[in-house]
Amino acid sequence: MHNKPEVMVTDGAASKPNIDLKSYPKFIRQLKSKRIISEVDGTTSWIDLLQSEEVAAWSVKTMNDMIQLFMSALDDGEYKECFTLYY
């Protein structure tokens, strides 16, 4: 799953950009507001911001929560038992 691409404009400095938080993709700003991404210094690409222990832990927890929600919505029976075996 991929978010819709967003255009990010910098001041044109190739060696050390100074990116305003508003220029990062919306999902980076959302993760920052939820304190999943702790620091945005304006010189790090959004891809590098996602490569952190905090984002990985949040991703695993979110996936687990979604699986549990899905399984709780299943009616009791063979189908639900199959999911219970693997998750």
Protein backbone atom coordinates (compact mmCIF):
# COMPACT_ATOMS: atom_id res chain seq x y z
CA MET A 1 0.00 0.00 0.00
CA HIS A 2 1.37 3.39 -0.95
CA ASN A 3 0.21 6.87 -0.16
CA LYS A 4 -0.55 9.26 -2.98
CA PRO A 5 2.74 10.96 -3.96
CA GLU A 6 3.23 14.52 -2.78
CA VAL A 7 5.57 17.12 -4.19
CA MET A 8 8.24 18.32 -1.77
CA VAL A 9 9.99 21.61 -2.56
CA THR A 10 13.23 22.66 -0.89
CA ASP A 11 15.28 25.83 -1.19
CA GLY A 12 17.39 24.14 -3.87
CA ALA A 13 20.46 23.47 -1.74
CA ALA A 14 21.74 20.09 -2.85
CA SER A 15 24.22 19.49 -0.06
CA LYS A 16 22.11 20.34 3.00
CA PRO A 17 18.42 20.97 2.45
CA ASN A 18 16.37 22.80 5.02
CA ILE A 19 12.94 21.22 4.68
CA ASP A 20 10.05 22.80 6.55
CA LEU A 21 7.82 20.28 8.36
CA LYS A 22 4.91 21.42 6.16
CA SER A 23 6.86 20.24 3.08
CA TYR A 24 7.05 16.64 4.27
CA PRO A 25 4.28 14.25 3.16
CA LYS A 26 1.12 14.40 5.27
CA PHE A 27 1.68 10.97 6.84
CA ILE A 28 5.07 12.12 8.21
CA ARG A 29 3.38 15.08 9.88
CA GLN A 30 0.73 12.72 11.28
CA LEU A 31 3.35 10.32 12.67
CA LYS A 32 5.18 13.29 14.19
CA SER A 33 2.00 14.62 15.83
CA LYS A 34 1.39 11.15 17.32
CA ARG A 35 5.01 11.19 18.58
CA ILE A 36 5.90 8.07 16.60
CA ILE A 37 8.55 10.09 14.80
CA SER A 38 10.31 12.05 17.50
CA GLU A 39 12.49 14.50 15.61
CA VAL A 40 12.30 16.09 12.18
CA ASP A 41 15.39 18.20 11.66
CA GLY A 42 14.70 19.46 8.13
CA THR A 43 17.73 17.72 6.61
CA THR A 44 16.47 14.12 6.66
CA SER A 45 14.42 12.62 3.85
CA TRP A 46 11.00 11.28 4.73
CA ILE A 47 12.12 7.80 3.70
CA ASP A 48 14.93 7.93 6.25
CA LEU A 49 12.51 9.19 8.91
CA LEU A 50 10.47 6.00 8.44
CA GLN A 51 13.53 3.81 9.04
CA SER A 52 13.46 3.89 12.82
CA GLU A 53 12.81 1.51 15.67
CA GLU A 54 9.82 3.60 16.77
CA VAL A 55 8.12 3.44 13.36
CA ALA A 56 8.81 -0.30 13.10
CA ALA A 57 7.31 -0.94 16.56
CA TRP A 58 4.26 1.20 15.72
CA SER A 59 3.81 -0.68 12.41
CA VAL A 60 3.91 -4.09 14.09
CA LYS A 61 1.50 -2.98 16.82
CA THR A 62 -0.90 -1.47 14.28
CA MET A 63 -0.83 -4.63 12.16
CA ASN A 64 -1.44 -6.79 15.23
CA ASP A 65 -4.35 -4.57 16.31
CA MET A 66 -5.90 -4.84 12.84
CA ILE A 67 -5.56 -8.64 12.80
CA GLN A 68 -7.14 -8.89 16.26
CA LEU A 69 -10.00 -6.60 15.20
CA PHE A 70 -10.59 -8.68 12.07
CA MET A 71 -10.54 -11.94 14.03
CA SER A 72 -12.93 -10.61 16.66
CA ALA A 73 -15.40 -9.78 13.89
CA LEU A 74 -15.41 -13.38 12.58
CA ASP A 75 -18.18 -15.73 13.60
CA ASP A 76 -17.09 -18.74 15.63
CA GLY A 77 -16.33 -21.72 13.45
CA GLU A 78 -13.74 -23.37 11.23
CA TYR A 79 -12.74 -20.17 9.43
CA LYS A 80 -12.04 -18.33 12.69
CA GLU A 81 -10.20 -21.37 14.12
CA CYS A 82 -7.93 -21.39 11.06
CA PHE A 83 -6.95 -17.76 11.68
CA THR A 84 -6.48 -18.45 15.39
CA LEU A 85 -3.95 -21.18 14.59
CA TYR A 86 -1.74 -18.83 12.57
CA TYR A 87 -2.24 -15.52 14.34
